[in-house]
Amino acid sequence: MRALLWLLLAASVLANVYIGTFAGWTGGLRATGSVSTGAVLLGSAVGLWLTRPRGEA
């Protein structure tokens, strides 16, 4: 599960960089792509935080 969350986190960062710099999208399409990848990034980060080992502070 954690490996999948790490993969989603990395993929969302890479997708956001691609959308912001190389895709050539403008306007609403760029905003929609950025919001979508941001939601995946935040969701995977929260999932990783919730599944962290409890022995760590």
Protein backbone atom coordinates (compact mmCIF):
# COMPACT_ATOMS: atom_id res chain seq x y z
CA MET A 1 0.00 0.00 0.00
CA ARG A 2 2.73 2.45 0.94
CA ALA A 3 4.63 1.65 -2.25
CA LEU A 4 1.56 2.54 -4.30
CA LEU A 5 1.15 5.80 -2.39
CA TRP A 6 4.81 6.70 -3.01
CA LEU A 7 4.33 5.90 -6.70
CA LEU A 8 1.24 8.12 -6.86
CA LEU A 9 3.09 10.93 -5.09
CA ALA A 10 6.01 10.80 -7.51
CA ALA A 11 3.76 10.45 -10.56
CA SER A 12 1.62 13.42 -9.53
CA VAL A 13 4.68 15.63 -9.05
CA LEU A 14 6.05 14.63 -12.46
CA ALA A 15 2.65 15.10 -14.12
CA ASN A 16 2.27 18.54 -12.57
CA VAL A 17 5.71 19.59 -13.80
CA TYR A 18 4.88 18.27 -17.27
CA ILE A 19 1.54 20.10 -17.37
CA GLY A 20 3.09 23.33 -16.13
CA THR A 21 6.08 23.40 -18.46
CA PHE A 22 5.92 21.09 -21.46
CA ALA A 23 2.28 20.29 -22.29
CA GLY A 24 1.48 23.66 -23.81
CA TRP A 25 -1.94 23.68 -22.19
CA THR A 26 -3.51 27.06 -21.46
CA GLY A 27 -6.50 28.39 -19.58
CA GLY A 28 -9.03 26.06 -18.07
CA LEU A 29 -7.36 22.89 -19.30
CA ARG A 30 -4.11 23.78 -17.56
CA ALA A 31 -5.96 24.72 -14.36
CA THR A 32 -7.95 21.48 -14.41
CA GLY A 33 -4.82 19.41 -14.92
CA SER A 34 -3.00 21.23 -12.15
CA VAL A 35 -5.88 20.87 -9.70
CA SER A 36 -6.24 17.17 -10.54
CA THR A 37 -2.57 16.38 -10.03
CA GLY A 38 -2.56 18.49 -6.86
CA ALA A 39 -5.49 16.51 -5.46
CA VAL A 40 -3.68 13.23 -6.14
CA LEU A 41 -0.52 14.63 -4.55
CA LEU A 42 -2.34 15.76 -1.40
CA GLY A 43 -4.30 12.52 -1.18
CA SER A 44 -1.20 10.35 -1.43
CA ALA A 45 0.67 12.54 1.07
CA VAL A 46 -2.18 12.23 3.58
CA GLY A 47 -2.33 8.49 2.97
CA LEU A 48 1.39 8.16 3.62
CA TRP A 49 1.08 10.22 6.78
CA LEU A 50 -1.82 8.13 8.06
CA THR A 51 -0.03 4.83 7.36
CA ARG A 52 3.32 5.85 8.87
CA PRO A 53 4.80 3.59 11.54
CA ARG A 54 3.60 4.79 14.95
CA GLY A 55 7.04 4.46 16.57
CA GLU A 56 8.28 7.59 14.79
CA ALA A 57 7.66 11.03 16.21
